Amino acid sequence: MSKYWREVRRVIKQILNNKDIRLVNFAYKGNKSSSQNDWHKLRNPLRMLFTALIFEILRKTPPCKIKNAIYRIFGVRIGKGVSIAYNVLPDPLFPELLTIQDGVMIGSDCELATHEFLRESFSLGRTIIRKNAMISGYTIIRRGVTIGENAITGAICFVSSDVEDNMFVGGIPAKPIKKLTPEDMKLKKDIEIIKYKE
C-alpha cells in the first residue's frame, strides 16, 4: 500500500474515533479514472460487502426493534423509538458515522450518506438526525449534514446542508419553508373524515 493510502487510512481511523471531526475531504491521488474505483482501499472489501448484503436485507424489513438492533451491531448509533421504513439505505461503507437519535421517523426510499465520491476527491462526514425529526420518503441526506430536533423534510428532497431545529424544509436542494410550532403537527380533530366532492 502506498504512502498516500496509508495516510488516508490513518485519517479515517481519526474520524471514526473522534466525534469532534465532522467532515474530512481528501484529494484523490489514485491512478484510476475516479475516486469511486478505489473504494476498496478505504475499508476492508469483505467487511463492506457483508455490511451491504445485510443492509439490503434490512431494506425489505418493516420498522421494528430487531432491525434497529442489527443496524447498531454494524455501528449505526440509533436511539430509542426510532422508526425506519422500507427501502431506507444507511450508508454501508461507513455506518459508524451515522447517528439517529430518539424518536426519529424515516420514511421509505431514503438514503443516509456518510461518504461521497467525486472524480478528483472523496469525503467522509458524520451525519446526524436529531431527536424527533421526521425524514419524509424519497429523501437523500448528504454526508456531514445534521438534521435538527423536530425538523421535517418534505418528500423527494435532497438535503445538502444542515437543517435547524423545528424547521420544515423541501426541494432539491432542500430549502427552509416554515418554522414549525408544536401545534403544526396536531390534527384539529381526533378523527377527520374527508369526502369526495359531489
C-alpha atoms as a PDB file:
ATOM      1  CA  MET A   1       0.000   0.000   0.000  1.00  0.00           C
ATOM      2  CA  SER A   2       1.329   3.440  -0.955  1.00  0.00           C
ATOM      3  CA  LYS A   3       2.172   6.206   1.494  1.00  0.00           C
ATOM      4  CA  TYR A   4      -0.889   8.135   0.285  1.00  0.00           C
ATOM      5  CA  TRP A   5      -3.337   5.306   1.100  1.00  0.00           C
ATOM      6  CA  ARG A   6      -1.682   4.662   4.463  1.00  0.00           C
ATOM      7  CA  GLU A   7      -2.228   8.320   5.346  1.00  0.00           C
ATOM      8  CA  VAL A   8      -5.864   8.144   4.161  1.00  0.00           C
ATOM      9  CA  ARG A   9      -6.484   5.109   6.372  1.00  0.00           C
ATOM     10  CA  ARG A  10      -4.844   6.870   9.333  1.00  0.00           C
ATOM     11  CA  VAL A  11      -7.190   9.841   8.916  1.00  0.00           C
ATOM     12  CA  ILE A  12     -10.195   7.512   8.519  1.00  0.00           C
ATOM     13  CA  LYS A  13      -9.347   5.973  11.907  1.00  0.00           C
ATOM     14  CA  GLN A  14      -9.203   9.504  13.312  1.00  0.00           C
ATOM     15  CA  ILE A  15     -12.698  10.473  12.133  1.00  0.00           C
ATOM     16  CA  LEU A  16     -14.131   7.141  13.336  1.00  0.00           C
ATOM     17  CA  ASN A  17     -12.656   7.645  16.812  1.00  0.00           C
ATOM     18  CA  ASN A  18     -13.017  11.405  17.271  1.00  0.00           C
ATOM     19  CA  LYS A  19     -16.621  12.671  17.431  1.00  0.00           C
ATOM     20  CA  ASP A  20     -15.371  16.257  17.152  1.00  0.00           C
ATOM     21  CA  ILE A  21     -14.432  15.672  13.498  1.00  0.00           C
ATOM     22  CA  ARG A  22     -17.469  16.402  11.361  1.00  0.00           C
ATOM     23  CA  LEU A  23     -16.157  16.132   7.798  1.00  0.00           C
ATOM     24  CA  VAL A  24     -12.930  15.137   6.060  1.00  0.00           C
ATOM     25  CA  ASN A  25     -12.212  15.914   2.397  1.00  0.00           C
ATOM     26  CA  PHE A  26      -9.462  14.005   0.569  1.00  0.00           C
ATOM     27  CA  ALA A  27      -7.815  14.953  -2.724  1.00  0.00           C
ATOM     28  CA  TYR A  28      -7.816  11.790  -4.847  1.00  0.00           C
ATOM     29  CA  LYS A  29      -4.279  10.712  -5.749  1.00  0.00           C
ATOM     30  CA  GLY A  30      -5.017   7.225  -7.016  1.00  0.00           C
ATOM     31  CA  ASN A  31      -4.384   6.051 -10.553  1.00  0.00           C
ATOM     32  CA  LYS A  32      -7.971   5.151 -11.532  1.00  0.00           C
ATOM     33  CA  SER A  33     -10.389   7.294 -13.540  1.00  0.00           C
ATOM     34  CA  SER A  34     -12.244   8.358 -10.375  1.00  0.00           C
ATOM     35  CA  SER A  35     -12.035   8.020  -6.607  1.00  0.00           C
ATOM     36  CA  GLN A  36     -15.033   5.659  -6.591  1.00  0.00           C
ATOM     37  CA  ASN A  37     -12.980   2.987  -8.375  1.00  0.00           C
ATOM     38  CA  ASP A  38     -10.686   2.785  -5.324  1.00  0.00           C
ATOM     39  CA  TRP A  39     -13.425   2.408  -2.663  1.00  0.00           C
ATOM     40  CA  HIS A  40     -11.899  -0.909  -1.585  1.00  0.00           C
ATOM     41  CA  LYS A  41      -8.778   0.885  -0.344  1.00  0.00           C
ATOM     42  CA  LEU A  42     -10.761   2.816   2.267  1.00  0.00           C
ATOM     43  CA  ARG A  43     -12.144  -0.214   4.070  1.00  0.00           C
ATOM     44  CA  ASN A  44     -11.811  -3.977   4.114  1.00  0.00           C
ATOM     45  CA  PRO A  45     -13.794  -5.020   0.991  1.00  0.00           C
ATOM     46  CA  LEU A  46     -15.198  -8.197   2.577  1.00  0.00           C
ATOM     47  CA  ARG A  47     -16.476  -6.239   5.565  1.00  0.00           C
ATOM     48  CA  MET A  48     -18.126  -3.669   3.330  1.00  0.00           C
ATOM     49  CA  LEU A  49     -19.705  -6.292   1.047  1.00  0.00           C
ATOM     50  CA  PHE A  50     -21.079  -8.214   4.050  1.00  0.00           C
ATOM     51  CA  THR A  51     -22.454  -4.983   5.528  1.00  0.00           C
ATOM     52  CA  ALA A  52     -24.060  -4.086   2.186  1.00  0.00           C
ATOM     53  CA  LEU A  53     -25.689  -7.534   1.984  1.00  0.00           C
ATOM     54  CA  ILE A  54     -27.181  -7.265   5.489  1.00  0.00           C
ATOM     55  CA  PHE A  55     -28.331  -3.680   4.867  1.00  0.00           C
ATOM     56  CA  GLU A  56     -30.003  -4.814   1.634  1.00  0.00           C
ATOM     57  CA  ILE A  57     -31.956  -7.458   3.584  1.00  0.00           C
ATOM     58  CA  LEU A  58     -32.901  -4.862   6.227  1.00  0.00           C
ATOM     59  CA  ARG A  59     -34.223  -2.571   3.480  1.00  0.00           C
ATOM     60  CA  LYS A  60     -37.083  -5.037   2.967  1.00  0.00           C
ATOM     61  CA  THR A  61     -37.825  -5.294   6.695  1.00  0.00           C
ATOM     62  CA  PRO A  62     -40.632  -3.215   8.230  1.00  0.00           C
ATOM     63  CA  PRO A  63     -39.884  -0.847  11.127  1.00  0.00           C
ATOM     64  CA  CYS A  64     -39.063  -2.918  14.223  1.00  0.00           C
ATOM     65  CA  LYS A  65     -36.694  -3.159  17.180  1.00  0.00           C
ATOM     66  CA  ILE A  66     -34.718  -6.060  15.697  1.00  0.00           C
ATOM     67  CA  LYS A  67     -33.981  -4.049  12.551  1.00  0.00           C
ATOM     68  CA  ASN A  68     -32.609  -1.202  14.685  1.00  0.00           C
ATOM     69  CA  ALA A  69     -30.618  -3.672  16.817  1.00  0.00           C
ATOM     70  CA  ILE A  70     -28.921  -5.117  13.724  1.00  0.00           C
ATOM     71  CA  TYR A  71     -28.045  -1.639  12.448  1.00  0.00           C
ATOM     72  CA  ARG A  72     -26.474  -0.951  15.873  1.00  0.00           C
ATOM     73  CA  ILE A  73     -24.315  -4.090  15.542  1.00  0.00           C
ATOM     74  CA  PHE A  74     -22.885  -2.595  12.343  1.00  0.00           C
ATOM     75  CA  GLY A  75     -22.086   0.709  14.051  1.00  0.00           C
ATOM     76  CA  VAL A  76     -25.091   2.942  13.356  1.00  0.00           C
ATOM     77  CA  ARG A  77     -25.931   4.872  16.524  1.00  0.00           C
ATOM     78  CA  ILE A  78     -29.701   4.552  16.908  1.00  0.00           C
ATOM     79  CA  GLY A  79     -31.704   5.904  19.821  1.00  0.00           C
ATOM     80  CA  LYS A  80     -34.988   4.713  21.318  1.00  0.00           C
ATOM     81  CA  GLY A  81     -38.291   4.745  19.478  1.00  0.00           C
ATOM     82  CA  VAL A  82     -36.744   5.110  16.024  1.00  0.00           C
ATOM     83  CA  SER A  83     -38.886   4.019  13.061  1.00  0.00           C
ATOM     84  CA  ILE A  84     -37.078   3.182   9.803  1.00  0.00           C
ATOM     85  CA  ALA A  85     -39.427   2.333   6.900  1.00  0.00           C
ATOM     86  CA  TYR A  86     -38.907   0.051   3.894  1.00  0.00           C
ATOM     87  CA  ASN A  87     -36.131   0.706   1.369  1.00  0.00           C
ATOM     88  CA  VAL A  88     -34.122   3.054   3.590  1.00  0.00           C
ATOM     89  CA  LEU A  89     -30.382   2.762   2.929  1.00  0.00           C
ATOM     90  CA  PRO A  90     -27.989   3.795   5.697  1.00  0.00           C
ATOM     91  CA  ASP A  91     -24.501   4.145   4.229  1.00  0.00           C
ATOM     92  CA  PRO A  92     -22.945   0.637   4.208  1.00  0.00           C
ATOM     93  CA  LEU A  93     -19.373   1.891   3.677  1.00  0.00           C
ATOM     94  CA  PHE A  94     -19.124   3.899   6.929  1.00  0.00           C
ATOM     95  CA  PRO A  95     -22.252   3.196   9.028  1.00  0.00           C
ATOM     96  CA  GLU A  96     -20.360   4.235  12.198  1.00  0.00           C
ATOM     97  CA  LEU A  97     -20.601   7.852  11.057  1.00  0.00           C
ATOM     98  CA  LEU A  98     -24.407   7.820  11.144  1.00  0.00           C
ATOM     99  CA  THR A  99     -26.345   8.847  14.270  1.00  0.00           C
ATOM    100  CA  ILE A 100     -30.142   8.635  14.505  1.00  0.00           C
ATOM    101  CA  GLN A 101     -31.381   9.973  17.841  1.00  0.00           C
ATOM    102  CA  ASP A 102     -34.516   9.100  19.864  1.00  0.00           C
ATOM    103  CA  GLY A 103     -37.957   9.297  18.283  1.00  0.00           C
ATOM    104  CA  VAL A 104     -36.804   9.801  14.684  1.00  0.00           C
ATOM    105  CA  MET A 105     -39.130   8.648  11.914  1.00  0.00           C
ATOM    106  CA  ILE A 106     -37.657   7.872   8.468  1.00  0.00           C
ATOM    107  CA  GLY A 107     -39.984   7.337   5.506  1.00  0.00           C
ATOM    108  CA  SER A 108     -39.461   4.859   2.691  1.00  0.00           C
ATOM    109  CA  ASP A 109     -36.787   5.017  -0.011  1.00  0.00           C
ATOM    110  CA  CYS A 110     -34.404   7.389   1.804  1.00  0.00           C
ATOM    111  CA  GLU A 111     -30.611   7.354   1.578  1.00  0.00           C
ATOM    112  CA  LEU A 112     -28.465   8.432   4.528  1.00  0.00           C
ATOM    113  CA  ALA A 113     -24.955   9.088   3.254  1.00  0.00           C
ATOM    114  CA  THR A 114     -21.721   9.277   5.242  1.00  0.00           C
ATOM    115  CA  HIS A 115     -19.367   9.293   2.257  1.00  0.00           C
ATOM    116  CA  GLU A 116     -19.177  10.894  -1.166  1.00  0.00           C
ATOM    117  CA  PHE A 117     -17.017  10.037  -4.163  1.00  0.00           C
ATOM    118  CA  LEU A 118     -16.139  12.565  -6.863  1.00  0.00           C
ATOM    119  CA  ARG A 119     -13.727  12.244  -9.765  1.00  0.00           C
ATOM    120  CA  GLU A 120     -10.877  14.201  -8.139  1.00  0.00           C
ATOM    121  CA  SER A 121     -11.768  13.858  -4.460  1.00  0.00           C
ATOM    122  CA  PHE A 122     -13.765  11.955  -1.868  1.00  0.00           C
ATOM    123  CA  SER A 123     -15.079  12.762   1.573  1.00  0.00           C
ATOM    124  CA  LEU A 124     -16.371  11.232   4.777  1.00  0.00           C
ATOM    125  CA  GLY A 125     -18.785  13.007   7.086  1.00  0.00           C
ATOM    126  CA  ARG A 126     -20.666  12.466  10.305  1.00  0.00           C
ATOM    127  CA  THR A 127     -24.411  12.524   9.512  1.00  0.00           C
ATOM    128  CA  ILE A 128     -26.715  13.209  12.458  1.00  0.00           C
ATOM    129  CA  ILE A 129     -30.506  13.134  12.659  1.00  0.00           C
ATOM    130  CA  ARG A 130     -31.528  14.685  15.962  1.00  0.00           C
ATOM    131  CA  LYS A 131     -34.437  13.810  18.280  1.00  0.00           C
ATOM    132  CA  ASN A 132     -37.964  13.570  16.907  1.00  0.00           C
ATOM    133  CA  ALA A 133     -37.009  14.621  13.389  1.00  0.00           C
ATOM    134  CA  MET A 134     -39.092  13.241  10.523  1.00  0.00           C
ATOM    135  CA  ILE A 135     -37.439  12.373   7.219  1.00  0.00           C
ATOM    136  CA  SER A 136     -40.144  12.047   4.563  1.00  0.00           C
ATOM    137  CA  GLY A 137     -39.992   9.458   1.793  1.00  0.00           C
ATOM    138  CA  TYR A 138     -37.507   9.641  -1.081  1.00  0.00           C
ATOM    139  CA  THR A 139     -35.137  11.965   0.768  1.00  0.00           C
ATOM    140  CA  ILE A 140     -31.365  11.875   0.321  1.00  0.00           C
ATOM    141  CA  ILE A 141     -29.237  13.272   3.132  1.00  0.00           C
ATOM    142  CA  ARG A 142     -25.683  14.191   2.137  1.00  0.00           C
ATOM    143  CA  ARG A 143     -22.670  13.222   4.243  1.00  0.00           C
ATOM    144  CA  GLY A 144     -21.782  15.588   7.086  1.00  0.00           C
ATOM    145  CA  VAL A 145     -25.307  17.014   7.434  1.00  0.00           C
ATOM    146  CA  THR A 146     -27.130  17.495  10.738  1.00  0.00           C
ATOM    147  CA  ILE A 147     -30.937  17.455  10.798  1.00  0.00           C
ATOM    148  CA  GLY A 148     -32.188  19.423  13.818  1.00  0.00           C
ATOM    149  CA  GLU A 149     -34.596  18.312  16.552  1.00  0.00           C
ATOM    150  CA  ASN A 150     -38.251  18.168  15.463  1.00  0.00           C
ATOM    151  CA  ALA A 151     -37.262  19.115  11.906  1.00  0.00           C
ATOM    152  CA  ILE A 152     -39.179  17.695   8.948  1.00  0.00           C
ATOM    153  CA  THR A 153     -38.062  17.172   5.361  1.00  0.00           C
ATOM    154  CA  GLY A 154     -40.572  17.239   2.541  1.00  0.00           C
ATOM    155  CA  ALA A 155     -40.922  14.217   0.280  1.00  0.00           C
ATOM    156  CA  ILE A 156     -38.499  13.857  -2.640  1.00  0.00           C
ATOM    157  CA  CYS A 157     -35.874  16.069  -1.070  1.00  0.00           C
ATOM    158  CA  PHE A 158     -32.072  16.416  -1.300  1.00  0.00           C
ATOM    159  CA  VAL A 159     -30.632  17.736   1.964  1.00  0.00           C
ATOM    160  CA  SER A 160     -27.137  19.081   1.347  1.00  0.00           C
ATOM    161  CA  SER A 161     -26.774  21.428   4.321  1.00  0.00           C
ATOM    162  CA  ASP A 162     -27.767  21.473   7.985  1.00  0.00           C
ATOM    163  CA  VAL A 163     -31.428  21.852   8.945  1.00  0.00           C
ATOM    164  CA  GLU A 164     -32.299  23.951  12.010  1.00  0.00           C
ATOM    165  CA  ASP A 165     -34.391  22.627  14.890  1.00  0.00           C
ATOM    166  CA  ASN A 166     -38.173  22.834  14.277  1.00  0.00           C
ATOM    167  CA  MET A 167     -37.725  23.643  10.577  1.00  0.00           C
ATOM    168  CA  PHE A 168     -39.673  22.232   7.641  1.00  0.00           C
ATOM    169  CA  VAL A 169     -37.507  22.002   4.510  1.00  0.00           C
ATOM    170  CA  GLY A 170     -38.243  20.818   0.997  1.00  0.00           C
ATOM    171  CA  GLY A 171     -36.977  20.755  -2.552  1.00  0.00           C
ATOM    172  CA  ILE A 172     -33.834  19.902  -4.473  1.00  0.00           C
ATOM    173  CA  PRO A 173     -31.695  21.172  -2.872  1.00  0.00           C
ATOM    174  CA  ALA A 174     -33.702  21.451   0.345  1.00  0.00           C
ATOM    175  CA  LYS A 175     -34.501  24.968   1.476  1.00  0.00           C
ATOM    176  CA  PRO A 176     -36.291  26.221   4.619  1.00  0.00           C
ATOM    177  CA  ILE A 177     -40.041  26.532   4.071  1.00  0.00           C
ATOM    178  CA  LYS A 178     -41.546  27.083   7.520  1.00  0.00           C
ATOM    179  CA  LYS A 179     -40.563  27.267  11.179  1.00  0.00           C
ATOM    180  CA  LEU A 180     -42.704  24.652  12.944  1.00  0.00           C
ATOM    181  CA  THR A 181     -44.601  25.018  16.205  1.00  0.00           C
ATOM    182  CA  PRO A 182     -45.902  22.107  18.321  1.00  0.00           C
ATOM    183  CA  GLU A 183     -49.418  22.911  17.079  1.00  0.00           C
ATOM    184  CA  ASP A 184     -48.398  22.403  13.439  1.00  0.00           C
ATOM    185  CA  MET A 185     -48.108  18.656  13.982  1.00  0.00           C
ATOM    186  CA  LYS A 186     -51.511  18.147  15.625  1.00  0.00           C
ATOM    187  CA  LEU A 187     -54.791  17.481  13.848  1.00  0.00           C
ATOM    188  CA  LYS A 188     -57.611  19.809  14.794  1.00  0.00           C
ATOM    189  CA  LYS A 189     -59.903  16.792  15.459  1.00  0.00           C
ATOM    190  CA  ASP A 190     -59.179  13.315  16.804  1.00  0.00           C
ATOM    191  CA  ILE A 191     -60.731  11.809  13.673  1.00  0.00           C
ATOM    192  CA  GLU A 192     -61.206  13.738  10.467  1.00  0.00           C
ATOM    193  CA  ILE A 193     -63.146  12.244   7.544  1.00  0.00           C
ATOM    194  CA  ILE A 194     -62.731  13.886   4.160  1.00  0.00           C
ATOM    195  CA  LYS A 195     -65.193  13.002   1.378  1.00  0.00           C
ATOM    196  CA  TYR A 196     -65.001  13.440  -2.351  1.00  0.00           C
ATOM    197  CA  LYS A 197     -66.837  16.455  -3.640  1.00  0.00           C
ATOM    198  CA  GLU A 198     -70.019  15.587  -5.495  1.00  0.00           C
END
